[in-house]
């Protein structure tokens, strides 16, 4: 079950790339509100507190409903935890942004938590991709290391999910040699100058954002 997609109840995918991921997903887990907007395919499961799904869809998908009424987590987190319970450890999240800015910021910040729970997680929007990199086994300098494929000229931004993260990045136009994240905007709006980024960071997780190209035929990183 490696091609698993979670569709959250944010902006429905329109760009050909996330729309293609949605329709090619082998397993599609929808939050209860997201299934209302789902087009041209069926959900595998529907997860949430079931406060946003109309009665006719509850009846139609009765065998696929996974009700979790915990008020300490949002529906996206409920869906991630459900996937984990099924042994699914690689996830692509769609519909995680848009509509409400508070939901958008909350869902993006949760990627750091998901990165520590899963083997691989990213959030794809109509504009770009957030890759969430966990804190891995540190090297001798107590920095975690990661490499990501990219395209020369591609915009890239880095975000910390907790204050104090230190970052070194090779393969970018503007030097990132020892950035300390004491503000959320640090290390944003950079540009790739090679076909890969080589990253070292402490106090992860680290979020890396790439913009989507105008053409839809791009590989999943």
N, C-alpha and C. Protein backbone atom coordinates (compact mmCIF):
# COMPACT_ATOMS: atom_id res chain seq x y z
N UNK A 1 0.83 -1.20 0.00
CA UNK A 1 0.00 0.00 0.00
C UNK A 1 0.87 1.26 0.00
N UNK A 2 1.78 1.37 -0.93
CA UNK A 2 2.69 2.50 -0.92
C UNK A 2 2.10 3.72 -1.60
N UNK A 3 1.16 3.54 -2.54
CA UNK A 3 0.56 4.69 -3.21
C UNK A 3 -0.73 5.07 -2.49
N UNK A 4 -0.55 5.60 -1.30
CA UNK A 4 -1.69 5.96 -0.46
C UNK A 4 -1.80 7.47 -0.39
N UNK A 5 -2.99 7.96 -0.62
CA UNK A 5 -3.26 9.40 -0.58
C UNK A 5 -4.32 9.67 0.47
N UNK A 6 -4.10 10.73 1.25
CA UNK A 6 -5.14 11.26 2.13
C UNK A 6 -5.67 12.54 1.50
N UNK A 7 -6.97 12.62 1.35
CA UNK A 7 -7.61 13.84 0.85
C UNK A 7 -8.27 14.53 2.03
N UNK A 8 -7.75 15.70 2.39
CA UNK A 8 -8.32 16.49 3.48
C UNK A 8 -9.33 17.49 2.91
N UNK A 9 -10.01 18.17 3.80
CA UNK A 9 -11.13 19.02 3.40
C UNK A 9 -10.71 20.47 3.17
N UNK A 10 -9.58 20.65 2.49
CA UNK A 10 -9.17 21.98 2.07
C UNK A 10 -9.53 22.21 0.62
N UNK A 11 -8.68 22.96 -0.08
CA UNK A 11 -8.93 23.23 -1.50
C UNK A 11 -8.79 21.95 -2.31
N UNK A 12 -9.81 21.64 -3.11
CA UNK A 12 -9.80 20.41 -3.90
C UNK A 12 -8.77 20.54 -5.02
N UNK A 13 -7.96 19.49 -5.28
CA UNK A 13 -6.89 19.59 -6.28
C UNK A 13 -7.42 19.90 -7.68
N UNK A 14 -6.78 20.90 -8.31
CA UNK A 14 -7.14 21.31 -9.66
C UNK A 14 -5.95 21.14 -10.61
N UNK A 15 -4.75 21.48 -10.15
CA UNK A 15 -3.55 21.33 -10.97
C UNK A 15 -3.41 19.87 -11.41
N UNK A 16 -2.98 19.62 -12.64
CA UNK A 16 -2.91 18.25 -13.13
C UNK A 16 -2.05 17.31 -12.28
N UNK A 17 -1.02 17.83 -11.64
CA UNK A 17 -0.15 16.94 -10.86
C UNK A 17 -0.85 16.39 -9.62
N UNK A 18 -1.34 17.23 -8.69
CA UNK A 18 -2.06 16.65 -7.55
C UNK A 18 -3.34 15.93 -7.95
N UNK A 19 -4.02 16.43 -9.00
CA UNK A 19 -5.23 15.74 -9.46
C UNK A 19 -4.88 14.34 -9.96
N UNK A 20 -3.73 14.21 -10.62
CA UNK A 20 -3.29 12.90 -11.08
C UNK A 20 -2.97 11.96 -9.93
N UNK A 21 -2.33 12.51 -8.89
CA UNK A 21 -2.04 11.69 -7.71
C UNK A 21 -3.33 11.18 -7.07
N UNK A 22 -4.33 12.04 -7.03
CA UNK A 22 -5.61 11.66 -6.43
C UNK A 22 -6.25 10.50 -7.18
N UNK A 23 -6.27 10.58 -8.49
CA UNK A 23 -7.01 9.59 -9.27
C UNK A 23 -6.20 8.31 -9.52
N UNK A 24 -4.88 8.37 -9.33
CA UNK A 24 -4.07 7.17 -9.50
C UNK A 24 -3.77 6.46 -8.18
N UNK A 25 -4.22 7.04 -7.08
CA UNK A 25 -3.92 6.45 -5.77
C UNK A 25 -4.50 5.04 -5.67
N UNK A 26 -3.69 4.11 -5.18
CA UNK A 26 -4.17 2.74 -4.96
C UNK A 26 -5.08 2.70 -3.74
N UNK A 27 -4.77 3.51 -2.74
CA UNK A 27 -5.59 3.63 -1.54
C UNK A 27 -5.89 5.10 -1.33
N UNK A 28 -7.16 5.44 -1.19
CA UNK A 28 -7.58 6.82 -0.98
C UNK A 28 -8.35 6.91 0.34
N UNK A 29 -7.78 7.64 1.28
CA UNK A 29 -8.41 7.87 2.57
C UNK A 29 -8.89 9.32 2.60
N UNK A 30 -10.19 9.51 2.75
CA UNK A 30 -10.77 10.85 2.79
C UNK A 30 -11.15 11.21 4.22
N UNK A 31 -10.92 12.46 4.61
CA UNK A 31 -11.56 12.93 5.83
C UNK A 31 -13.04 13.09 5.54
N UNK A 32 -13.86 13.11 6.60
CA UNK A 32 -15.30 13.04 6.36
C UNK A 32 -15.82 14.23 5.54
N UNK A 33 -15.23 15.43 5.75
CA UNK A 33 -15.68 16.57 4.96
C UNK A 33 -15.21 16.51 3.52
N UNK A 34 -14.03 15.92 3.28
CA UNK A 34 -13.46 15.89 1.94
C UNK A 34 -14.24 15.01 0.98
N UNK A 35 -14.87 13.95 1.49
CA UNK A 35 -15.56 13.03 0.60
C UNK A 35 -16.74 13.70 -0.09
N UNK A 36 -17.24 14.78 0.48
CA UNK A 36 -18.36 15.51 -0.13
C UNK A 36 -17.96 16.08 -1.49
N UNK A 37 -16.70 16.48 -1.61
CA UNK A 37 -16.22 17.10 -2.85
C UNK A 37 -15.58 16.11 -3.81
N UNK A 38 -15.41 14.86 -3.40
CA UNK A 38 -14.70 13.88 -4.21
C UNK A 38 -15.40 13.65 -5.55
N UNK A 39 -14.59 13.64 -6.62
CA UNK A 39 -15.13 13.50 -7.97
C UNK A 39 -14.49 12.33 -8.69
N UNK A 40 -15.29 11.60 -9.43
CA UNK A 40 -14.83 10.62 -10.41
C UNK A 40 -14.04 9.45 -9.84
N UNK A 41 -14.16 9.18 -8.56
CA UNK A 41 -13.60 7.96 -8.00
C UNK A 41 -14.20 7.72 -6.62
N UNK A 42 -13.93 6.53 -6.09
CA UNK A 42 -14.51 6.12 -4.82
C UNK A 42 -13.45 6.16 -3.72
N UNK A 43 -13.82 6.51 -2.49
CA UNK A 43 -12.87 6.44 -1.38
C UNK A 43 -12.68 5.01 -0.92
N UNK A 44 -11.48 4.70 -0.43
CA UNK A 44 -11.24 3.41 0.19
C UNK A 44 -11.80 3.41 1.61
N UNK A 45 -11.48 4.49 2.34
CA UNK A 45 -12.01 4.68 3.69
C UNK A 45 -12.34 6.16 3.88
N UNK A 46 -13.21 6.43 4.82
CA UNK A 46 -13.56 7.79 5.21
C UNK A 46 -13.35 7.88 6.72
N UNK A 47 -12.51 8.82 7.16
CA UNK A 47 -12.11 8.89 8.56
C UNK A 47 -12.45 10.27 9.13
N UNK A 48 -12.95 10.30 10.35
CA UNK A 48 -13.21 11.56 11.03
C UNK A 48 -14.25 11.40 12.10
N UNK A 49 -14.70 12.54 12.62
CA UNK A 49 -15.73 12.49 13.66
C UNK A 49 -17.14 12.45 13.07
N UNK A 50 -17.23 12.48 11.75
CA UNK A 50 -18.47 12.34 11.00
C UNK A 50 -19.45 13.50 11.22
N UNK A 51 -18.89 14.66 11.53
CA UNK A 51 -19.76 15.83 11.70
C UNK A 51 -19.90 16.64 10.42
N UNK A 52 -19.17 16.24 9.36
CA UNK A 52 -19.17 17.03 8.12
C UNK A 52 -19.66 16.24 6.91
N UNK A 53 -20.17 15.06 7.12
CA UNK A 53 -20.61 14.23 6.01
C UNK A 53 -22.13 14.11 6.04
N UNK A 54 -22.80 14.39 4.93
CA UNK A 54 -24.27 14.32 4.92
C UNK A 54 -24.79 12.89 5.04
N UNK A 55 -26.05 12.79 5.43
CA UNK A 55 -26.65 11.49 5.72
C UNK A 55 -26.61 10.56 4.52
N UNK A 56 -26.85 11.09 3.32
CA UNK A 56 -26.91 10.20 2.15
C UNK A 56 -25.54 9.57 1.87
N UNK A 57 -24.45 10.28 2.17
CA UNK A 57 -23.12 9.70 1.98
C UNK A 57 -22.77 8.74 3.12
N UNK A 58 -23.28 9.01 4.31
CA UNK A 58 -23.09 8.05 5.40
C UNK A 58 -23.72 6.72 5.05
N UNK A 59 -24.90 6.77 4.44
CA UNK A 59 -25.58 5.54 4.06
C UNK A 59 -24.85 4.85 2.89
N UNK A 60 -24.44 5.65 1.91
CA UNK A 60 -23.78 5.08 0.73
C UNK A 60 -22.47 4.38 1.10
N UNK A 61 -21.70 4.99 2.01
CA UNK A 61 -20.38 4.48 2.35
C UNK A 61 -20.33 3.90 3.77
N UNK A 62 -21.43 3.38 4.24
CA UNK A 62 -21.51 2.90 5.63
C UNK A 62 -20.39 1.92 5.98
N UNK A 63 -20.03 1.06 5.05
CA UNK A 63 -19.02 0.04 5.33
C UNK A 63 -17.60 0.60 5.29
N UNK A 64 -17.45 1.84 4.87
CA UNK A 64 -16.12 2.43 4.73
C UNK A 64 -15.85 3.53 5.76
N UNK A 65 -16.79 3.76 6.64
CA UNK A 65 -16.66 4.83 7.63
C UNK A 65 -15.81 4.37 8.81
N UNK A 66 -14.91 5.24 9.24
CA UNK A 66 -14.10 5.00 10.43
C UNK A 66 -14.31 6.21 11.33
N UNK A 67 -15.15 6.04 12.33
CA UNK A 67 -15.54 7.17 13.19
C UNK A 67 -14.57 7.30 14.37
N UNK A 68 -14.04 8.49 14.53
CA UNK A 68 -13.14 8.80 15.66
C UNK A 68 -13.58 10.14 16.21
N UNK A 69 -14.19 10.15 17.37
CA UNK A 69 -14.77 11.37 17.94
C UNK A 69 -13.83 12.11 18.88
N UNK A 70 -12.57 11.73 18.92
CA UNK A 70 -11.60 12.42 19.78
C UNK A 70 -11.52 13.90 19.38
N UNK A 71 -11.64 14.79 20.35
CA UNK A 71 -11.61 16.22 20.08
C UNK A 71 -10.21 16.82 20.26
N UNK A 72 -9.23 15.97 20.55
CA UNK A 72 -7.86 16.45 20.74
C UNK A 72 -7.06 16.45 19.44
N UNK A 73 -7.61 15.84 18.39
CA UNK A 73 -6.92 15.80 17.10
C UNK A 73 -7.88 16.22 16.00
N UNK A 74 -7.33 16.78 14.90
CA UNK A 74 -8.19 17.12 13.78
C UNK A 74 -8.38 15.90 12.88
N UNK A 75 -9.23 16.03 11.88
CA UNK A 75 -9.56 14.87 11.03
C UNK A 75 -8.35 14.40 10.22
N UNK A 76 -7.48 15.33 9.83
CA UNK A 76 -6.29 14.91 9.09
C UNK A 76 -5.41 14.01 9.95
N UNK A 77 -5.20 14.38 11.20
CA UNK A 77 -4.39 13.55 12.09
C UNK A 77 -5.08 12.21 12.34
N UNK A 78 -6.40 12.22 12.47
CA UNK A 78 -7.13 10.96 12.61
C UNK A 78 -6.87 10.05 11.41
N UNK A 79 -6.85 10.64 10.21
CA UNK A 79 -6.62 9.85 9.00
C UNK A 79 -5.19 9.30 8.97
N UNK A 80 -4.22 10.11 9.37
CA UNK A 80 -2.83 9.64 9.41
C UNK A 80 -2.69 8.49 10.40
N UNK A 81 -3.27 8.63 11.58
CA UNK A 81 -3.17 7.58 12.59
C UNK A 81 -3.88 6.30 12.13
N UNK A 82 -4.98 6.46 11.42
CA UNK A 82 -5.67 5.28 10.89
C UNK A 82 -4.78 4.55 9.88
N UNK A 83 -4.13 5.31 9.01
CA UNK A 83 -3.22 4.68 8.04
C UNK A 83 -2.11 3.92 8.75
N UNK A 84 -1.56 4.53 9.79
CA UNK A 84 -0.53 3.83 10.56
C UNK A 84 -1.05 2.52 11.13
N UNK A 85 -2.30 2.53 11.60
CA UNK A 85 -2.88 1.31 12.17
C UNK A 85 -3.02 0.20 11.13
N UNK A 86 -3.06 0.60 9.86
CA UNK A 86 -3.15 -0.35 8.76
C UNK A 86 -1.78 -0.72 8.20
N UNK A 87 -0.73 -0.23 8.84
CA UNK A 87 0.61 -0.54 8.38
C UNK A 87 1.09 0.31 7.23
N UNK A 88 0.39 1.40 6.93
CA UNK A 88 0.77 2.30 5.84
C UNK A 88 1.71 3.35 6.40
N UNK A 89 2.92 3.45 5.84
CA UNK A 89 3.93 4.35 6.38
C UNK A 89 4.44 5.36 5.38
N UNK A 90 3.85 5.39 4.18
CA UNK A 90 4.21 6.39 3.17
C UNK A 90 2.93 7.05 2.69
N UNK A 91 2.85 8.36 2.87
CA UNK A 91 1.61 9.07 2.60
C UNK A 91 1.85 10.34 1.78
N UNK A 92 0.91 10.61 0.89
CA UNK A 92 0.81 11.91 0.22
C UNK A 92 -0.50 12.55 0.66
N UNK A 93 -0.41 13.79 1.11
CA UNK A 93 -1.59 14.50 1.60
C UNK A 93 -2.00 15.54 0.58
N UNK A 94 -3.26 15.50 0.17
CA UNK A 94 -3.85 16.50 -0.71
C UNK A 94 -4.95 17.23 0.05
N UNK A 95 -5.30 18.43 -0.40
CA UNK A 95 -6.37 19.17 0.25
C UNK A 95 -6.02 19.65 1.64
N UNK A 96 -4.75 19.77 1.94
CA UNK A 96 -4.33 20.17 3.27
C UNK A 96 -4.29 21.67 3.48
N UNK A 97 -4.41 22.43 2.40
CA UNK A 97 -4.36 23.89 2.49
C UNK A 97 -5.58 24.48 1.80
N UNK A 98 -5.73 25.80 1.94
CA UNK A 98 -6.85 26.48 1.29
C UNK A 98 -8.06 26.60 2.19
N UNK A 99 -9.02 27.38 1.75
CA UNK A 99 -10.27 27.64 2.46
C UNK A 99 -10.04 28.49 3.70
N UNK A 100 -9.46 27.92 4.76
CA UNK A 100 -9.23 28.66 6.00
C UNK A 100 -7.75 28.67 6.35
N UNK A 101 -7.23 29.88 6.62
CA UNK A 101 -5.81 30.02 6.90
C UNK A 101 -5.41 29.32 8.20
N UNK A 102 -6.30 29.28 9.19
CA UNK A 102 -5.94 28.61 10.45
C UNK A 102 -5.78 27.11 10.24
N UNK A 103 -6.67 26.52 9.42
CA UNK A 103 -6.51 25.10 9.09
C UNK A 103 -5.22 24.88 8.28
N UNK A 104 -4.95 25.78 7.34
CA UNK A 104 -3.75 25.65 6.52
C UNK A 104 -2.49 25.65 7.38
N UNK A 105 -2.35 26.63 8.26
CA UNK A 105 -1.16 26.70 9.11
C UNK A 105 -1.08 25.50 10.04
N UNK A 106 -2.22 25.10 10.59
CA UNK A 106 -2.23 23.93 11.47
C UNK A 106 -1.79 22.67 10.76
N UNK A 107 -2.32 22.44 9.56
CA UNK A 107 -1.98 21.22 8.82
C UNK A 107 -0.52 21.21 8.39
N UNK A 108 0.01 22.36 7.94
CA UNK A 108 1.42 22.42 7.55
C UNK A 108 2.31 22.15 8.75
N UNK A 109 1.99 22.74 9.90
CA UNK A 109 2.83 22.53 11.09
C UNK A 109 2.78 21.08 11.55
N UNK A 110 1.65 20.42 11.34
CA UNK A 110 1.52 19.01 11.73
C UNK A 110 2.41 18.09 10.90
N UNK A 111 2.87 18.54 9.74
CA UNK A 111 3.74 17.70 8.93
C UNK A 111 4.99 17.27 9.69
N UNK A 112 5.49 18.17 10.55
CA UNK A 112 6.66 17.80 11.35
C UNK A 112 6.36 16.63 12.28
N UNK A 113 5.18 16.62 12.87
CA UNK A 113 4.76 15.50 13.72
C UNK A 113 4.62 14.23 12.90
N UNK A 114 3.98 14.34 11.74
CA UNK A 114 3.79 13.16 10.88
C UNK A 114 5.13 12.60 10.41
N UNK A 115 6.11 13.48 10.17
CA UNK A 115 7.42 13.02 9.71
C UNK A 115 8.08 12.10 10.73
N UNK A 116 7.81 12.34 12.01
CA UNK A 116 8.40 11.50 13.05
C UNK A 116 7.64 10.18 13.21
N UNK A 117 6.41 10.12 12.69
CA UNK A 117 5.57 8.94 12.81
C UNK A 117 5.72 7.99 11.62
N UNK A 118 6.01 8.56 10.43
CA UNK A 118 5.96 7.82 9.17
C UNK A 118 7.34 7.66 8.57
N UNK A 119 7.44 6.80 7.56
CA UNK A 119 8.69 6.67 6.81
C UNK A 119 8.82 7.78 5.77
N UNK A 120 7.70 8.25 5.26
CA UNK A 120 7.74 9.29 4.22
C UNK A 120 6.40 9.99 4.17
N UNK A 121 6.42 11.33 4.14
CA UNK A 121 5.18 12.08 4.03
C UNK A 121 5.45 13.39 3.31
N UNK A 122 4.52 13.76 2.43
CA UNK A 122 4.59 15.05 1.77
C UNK A 122 3.17 15.58 1.61
N UNK A 123 3.07 16.89 1.46
CA UNK A 123 1.79 17.54 1.22
C UNK A 123 1.87 18.26 -0.12
N UNK A 124 0.98 17.92 -1.04
CA UNK A 124 0.98 18.50 -2.38
C UNK A 124 -0.23 19.41 -2.53
N UNK A 125 0.01 20.63 -3.00
CA UNK A 125 -1.06 21.59 -3.26
C UNK A 125 -1.10 21.90 -4.75
N UNK A 126 -1.94 22.81 -5.15
CA UNK A 126 -1.97 23.23 -6.55
C UNK A 126 -0.79 24.13 -6.91
N UNK A 127 0.01 24.50 -5.92
CA UNK A 127 1.13 25.40 -6.15
C UNK A 127 2.49 24.79 -5.85
N UNK A 128 2.54 23.78 -5.00
CA UNK A 128 3.83 23.23 -4.63
C UNK A 128 3.75 21.99 -3.80
N UNK A 129 4.93 21.57 -3.29
CA UNK A 129 5.06 20.35 -2.50
C UNK A 129 5.85 20.66 -1.24
N UNK A 130 5.29 20.28 -0.09
CA UNK A 130 6.02 20.29 1.17
C UNK A 130 6.55 18.90 1.44
N UNK A 131 7.87 18.77 1.56
CA UNK A 131 8.48 17.53 2.01
C UNK A 131 8.81 17.68 3.49
N UNK A 132 8.44 16.71 4.28
CA UNK A 132 8.71 16.75 5.72
C UNK A 132 9.83 15.77 6.04
N UNK A 133 10.92 16.30 6.56
CA UNK A 133 12.10 15.48 6.86
C UNK A 133 12.24 15.34 8.37
N UNK A 134 12.25 14.12 8.87
CA UNK A 134 12.34 13.92 10.33
C UNK A 134 13.76 14.13 10.82
N UNK A 135 13.88 14.25 12.10
CA UNK A 135 15.21 14.19 12.71
C UNK A 135 15.66 12.73 12.65
N UNK A 136 16.74 12.47 11.93
CA UNK A 136 17.24 11.11 11.78
C UNK A 136 18.41 10.89 12.73
N UNK A 137 19.04 9.74 12.60
CA UNK A 137 20.21 9.47 13.42
C UNK A 137 21.29 10.51 13.11
N UNK A 138 21.73 11.29 14.09
CA UNK A 138 22.69 12.36 13.82
C UNK A 138 24.06 11.82 13.48
N UNK A 139 24.80 12.63 12.70
CA UNK A 139 26.19 12.28 12.43
C UNK A 139 27.06 12.80 13.57
N UNK A 140 28.36 12.82 13.39
CA UNK A 140 29.26 13.20 14.48
C UNK A 140 29.06 14.65 14.92
N UNK A 141 28.55 15.49 14.04
CA UNK A 141 28.32 16.89 14.38
C UNK A 141 26.92 17.11 14.95
N UNK A 142 26.21 16.02 15.17
CA UNK A 142 24.86 16.07 15.72
C UNK A 142 23.88 16.77 14.78
N UNK A 143 24.12 16.62 13.49
CA UNK A 143 23.21 17.12 12.47
C UNK A 143 22.61 15.94 11.73
N UNK A 144 21.32 16.02 11.41
CA UNK A 144 20.70 15.04 10.53
C UNK A 144 20.98 15.44 9.09
N UNK A 145 21.05 14.46 8.20
CA UNK A 145 21.40 14.73 6.80
C UNK A 145 20.33 14.18 5.87
N UNK A 146 20.11 14.88 4.78
CA UNK A 146 19.14 14.43 3.77
C UNK A 146 19.52 15.02 2.42
N UNK A 147 19.12 14.31 1.36
CA UNK A 147 19.33 14.78 -0.01
C UNK A 147 17.99 14.71 -0.75
N UNK A 148 17.65 15.79 -1.47
CA UNK A 148 16.41 15.84 -2.25
C UNK A 148 16.73 16.20 -3.69
N UNK A 149 16.07 15.52 -4.62
CA UNK A 149 16.17 15.90 -6.02
C UNK A 149 15.47 17.23 -6.24
N UNK A 150 15.98 18.02 -7.19
CA UNK A 150 15.37 19.31 -7.52
C UNK A 150 15.73 19.67 -8.95
N UNK A 151 15.31 20.85 -9.40
CA UNK A 151 15.60 21.32 -10.75
C UNK A 151 16.29 22.67 -10.65
N UNK A 152 17.37 22.91 -11.41
CA UNK A 152 18.00 24.23 -11.40
C UNK A 152 16.99 25.32 -11.74
N UNK A 153 17.00 26.38 -10.97
CA UNK A 153 16.05 27.47 -11.15
C UNK A 153 14.76 27.30 -10.39
N UNK A 154 14.57 26.15 -9.73
CA UNK A 154 13.35 25.88 -8.99
C UNK A 154 13.33 26.65 -7.67
N UNK A 155 12.25 27.39 -7.37
CA UNK A 155 12.15 28.06 -6.07
C UNK A 155 12.06 27.03 -4.95
N UNK A 156 12.68 27.36 -3.82
CA UNK A 156 12.67 26.48 -2.66
C UNK A 156 12.67 27.32 -1.39
N UNK A 157 11.95 26.85 -0.39
CA UNK A 157 11.94 27.48 0.92
C UNK A 157 12.07 26.41 1.99
N UNK A 158 12.62 26.82 3.13
CA UNK A 158 12.81 25.91 4.26
C UNK A 158 12.07 26.45 5.48
N UNK A 159 11.43 25.55 6.22
CA UNK A 159 10.69 25.94 7.41
C UNK A 159 11.01 24.98 8.55
N UNK A 160 11.10 25.53 9.75
CA UNK A 160 11.30 24.72 10.95
C UNK A 160 9.96 24.53 11.64
N UNK A 161 9.75 23.35 12.20
CA UNK A 161 8.53 23.11 12.96
C UNK A 161 8.73 23.36 14.45
N UNK A 162 9.95 23.69 14.84
CA UNK A 162 10.23 24.06 16.23
C UNK A 162 11.37 25.07 16.22
N UNK A 163 11.38 26.02 17.14
CA UNK A 163 12.43 27.04 17.14
C UNK A 163 13.80 26.46 17.48
N UNK A 164 14.83 27.13 16.97
CA UNK A 164 16.19 26.72 17.28
C UNK A 164 16.82 25.79 16.26
N UNK A 165 16.06 25.35 15.25
CA UNK A 165 16.63 24.47 14.23
C UNK A 165 17.78 25.19 13.53
N UNK A 166 18.85 24.48 13.29
CA UNK A 166 19.99 25.00 12.54
C UNK A 166 20.08 24.27 11.21
N UNK A 167 20.36 25.00 10.15
CA UNK A 167 20.32 24.44 8.80
C UNK A 167 21.54 24.83 7.98
N UNK A 168 22.06 23.85 7.26
CA UNK A 168 23.05 24.07 6.21
C UNK A 168 22.48 23.46 4.93
N UNK A 169 22.55 24.20 3.83
CA UNK A 169 21.99 23.70 2.56
C UNK A 169 22.97 23.98 1.43
N UNK A 170 23.33 22.93 0.70
CA UNK A 170 24.16 23.06 -0.50
C UNK A 170 23.28 22.83 -1.71
N UNK A 171 23.55 23.60 -2.79
CA UNK A 171 22.76 23.49 -4.00
C UNK A 171 21.74 24.60 -4.15
N UNK A 172 21.90 25.70 -3.37
CA UNK A 172 20.98 26.84 -3.44
C UNK A 172 21.74 28.10 -3.82
N UNK A 173 21.02 29.05 -4.39
CA UNK A 173 21.62 30.28 -4.90
C UNK A 173 22.12 31.18 -3.79
N UNK A 174 21.30 31.34 -2.75
CA UNK A 174 21.66 32.22 -1.65
C UNK A 174 22.18 31.37 -0.49
N UNK A 175 23.36 31.69 0.04
CA UNK A 175 24.01 30.80 1.01
C UNK A 175 23.15 30.51 2.24
N UNK A 176 23.10 29.23 2.57
CA UNK A 176 22.47 28.77 3.81
C UNK A 176 23.53 27.94 4.52
N UNK A 177 24.31 28.60 5.36
CA UNK A 177 25.47 27.94 5.94
C UNK A 177 25.28 27.59 7.42
N UNK A 178 24.59 28.40 8.14
CA UNK A 178 24.36 28.11 9.56
C UNK A 178 23.15 28.92 10.02
N UNK A 179 22.05 28.77 9.30
CA UNK A 179 20.84 29.52 9.64
C UNK A 179 20.22 28.96 10.91
N UNK A 180 19.89 29.83 11.84
CA UNK A 180 19.20 29.44 13.06
C UNK A 180 17.77 29.96 12.99
N UNK A 181 16.80 29.08 13.12
CA UNK A 181 15.39 29.45 12.95
C UNK A 181 14.84 30.03 14.26
N UNK A 182 15.08 31.34 14.45
CA UNK A 182 14.46 32.04 15.56
C UNK A 182 13.21 32.80 15.10
N UNK A 183 12.96 32.76 13.78
CA UNK A 183 11.75 33.33 13.20
C UNK A 183 11.25 32.38 12.10
N UNK A 184 9.95 32.37 11.87
CA UNK A 184 9.36 31.42 10.92
C UNK A 184 9.84 31.66 9.48
N UNK A 185 10.16 32.91 9.14
CA UNK A 185 10.48 33.24 7.75
C UNK A 185 11.92 32.92 7.37
N UNK A 186 12.75 32.54 8.31
CA UNK A 186 14.16 32.30 8.01
C UNK A 186 14.31 31.23 6.93
N UNK A 187 15.22 31.50 5.98
CA UNK A 187 15.57 30.55 4.90
C UNK A 187 14.44 30.28 3.93
N UNK A 188 13.56 31.26 3.74
CA UNK A 188 12.54 31.14 2.70
C UNK A 188 13.01 31.83 1.42
N UNK A 189 12.30 31.56 0.32
CA UNK A 189 12.47 32.26 -0.96
C UNK A 189 13.89 32.16 -1.51
N UNK A 190 14.39 30.93 -1.58
CA UNK A 190 15.69 30.66 -2.17
C UNK A 190 15.47 30.05 -3.55
N UNK A 191 16.55 29.58 -4.18
CA UNK A 191 16.45 29.01 -5.53
C UNK A 191 17.48 27.91 -5.70
N UNK A 192 17.08 26.81 -6.30
CA UNK A 192 18.00 25.69 -6.54
C UNK A 192 18.93 26.02 -7.70
N UNK A 193 20.18 25.61 -7.58
CA UNK A 193 21.14 25.84 -8.67
C UNK A 193 21.76 24.53 -9.17
N UNK A 194 21.28 23.41 -8.67
CA UNK A 194 21.76 22.11 -9.14
C UNK A 194 20.58 21.15 -9.18
N UNK A 195 20.87 19.88 -9.43
CA UNK A 195 19.79 18.90 -9.52
C UNK A 195 19.55 18.16 -8.20
N UNK A 196 20.20 18.63 -7.13
CA UNK A 196 19.91 18.05 -5.82
C UNK A 196 20.28 19.02 -4.72
N UNK A 197 19.56 18.92 -3.62
CA UNK A 197 19.87 19.67 -2.41
C UNK A 197 20.50 18.72 -1.40
N UNK A 198 21.56 19.16 -0.78
CA UNK A 198 22.21 18.40 0.28
C UNK A 198 22.01 19.20 1.57
N UNK A 199 21.29 18.62 2.51
CA UNK A 199 20.84 19.33 3.70
C UNK A 199 21.41 18.70 4.96
N UNK A 200 21.80 19.56 5.90
CA UNK A 200 22.18 19.13 7.24
C UNK A 200 21.42 20.01 8.22
N UNK A 201 20.78 19.41 9.21
CA UNK A 201 19.99 20.21 10.14
C UNK A 201 19.94 19.56 11.52
N UNK A 202 19.81 20.42 12.51
CA UNK A 202 19.67 19.96 13.88
C UNK A 202 18.28 20.33 14.38
N UNK A 203 17.85 19.67 15.43
CA UNK A 203 16.56 19.98 16.05
C UNK A 203 15.41 19.90 15.05
N UNK A 204 15.42 18.87 14.16
CA UNK A 204 14.35 18.72 13.19
C UNK A 204 13.03 18.41 13.88
N UNK A 205 11.98 18.21 13.12
CA UNK A 205 11.91 18.04 11.68
C UNK A 205 12.09 19.35 10.88
N UNK A 206 12.35 19.17 9.59
CA UNK A 206 12.54 20.27 8.65
C UNK A 206 11.52 20.12 7.52
N UNK A 207 10.88 21.23 7.13
CA UNK A 207 9.99 21.24 5.98
C UNK A 207 10.69 21.92 4.81
N UNK A 208 10.63 21.28 3.64
CA UNK A 208 11.22 21.83 2.42
C UNK A 208 10.10 21.99 1.40
N UNK A 209 9.95 23.22 0.88
CA UNK A 209 8.86 23.52 -0.05
C UNK A 209 9.43 23.81 -1.44
N UNK A 210 8.94 23.08 -2.45
CA UNK A 210 9.24 23.34 -3.85
C UNK A 210 7.96 23.79 -4.55
N UNK A 211 8.08 24.71 -5.50
CA UNK A 211 6.93 25.07 -6.31
C UNK A 211 6.73 24.03 -7.41
N UNK A 212 5.48 23.87 -7.85
CA UNK A 212 5.19 22.99 -8.97
C UNK A 212 5.51 23.71 -10.27
N UNK A 213 6.06 23.00 -11.27
CA UNK A 213 6.27 23.62 -12.58
C UNK A 213 4.95 23.79 -13.32
N UNK A 214 4.97 24.60 -14.35
CA UNK A 214 3.76 24.83 -15.13
C UNK A 214 3.31 23.55 -15.83
N UNK A 215 4.27 22.70 -16.23
CA UNK A 215 3.91 21.46 -16.92
C UNK A 215 3.63 20.38 -15.89
N UNK A 216 2.63 19.55 -16.12
CA UNK A 216 2.23 18.57 -15.10
C UNK A 216 3.09 17.32 -15.06
N UNK A 217 3.85 17.03 -16.11
CA UNK A 217 4.55 15.75 -16.20
C UNK A 217 5.87 15.81 -15.42
N UNK A 218 5.78 15.75 -14.10
CA UNK A 218 6.95 15.78 -13.25
C UNK A 218 6.94 14.57 -12.33
N UNK A 219 8.11 14.06 -12.00
CA UNK A 219 8.15 12.88 -11.13
C UNK A 219 7.92 13.26 -9.68
N UNK A 220 7.46 12.28 -8.91
CA UNK A 220 7.36 12.46 -7.47
C UNK A 220 8.77 12.35 -6.90
N UNK A 221 9.17 13.30 -6.11
CA UNK A 221 10.51 13.27 -5.55
C UNK A 221 10.60 12.19 -4.49
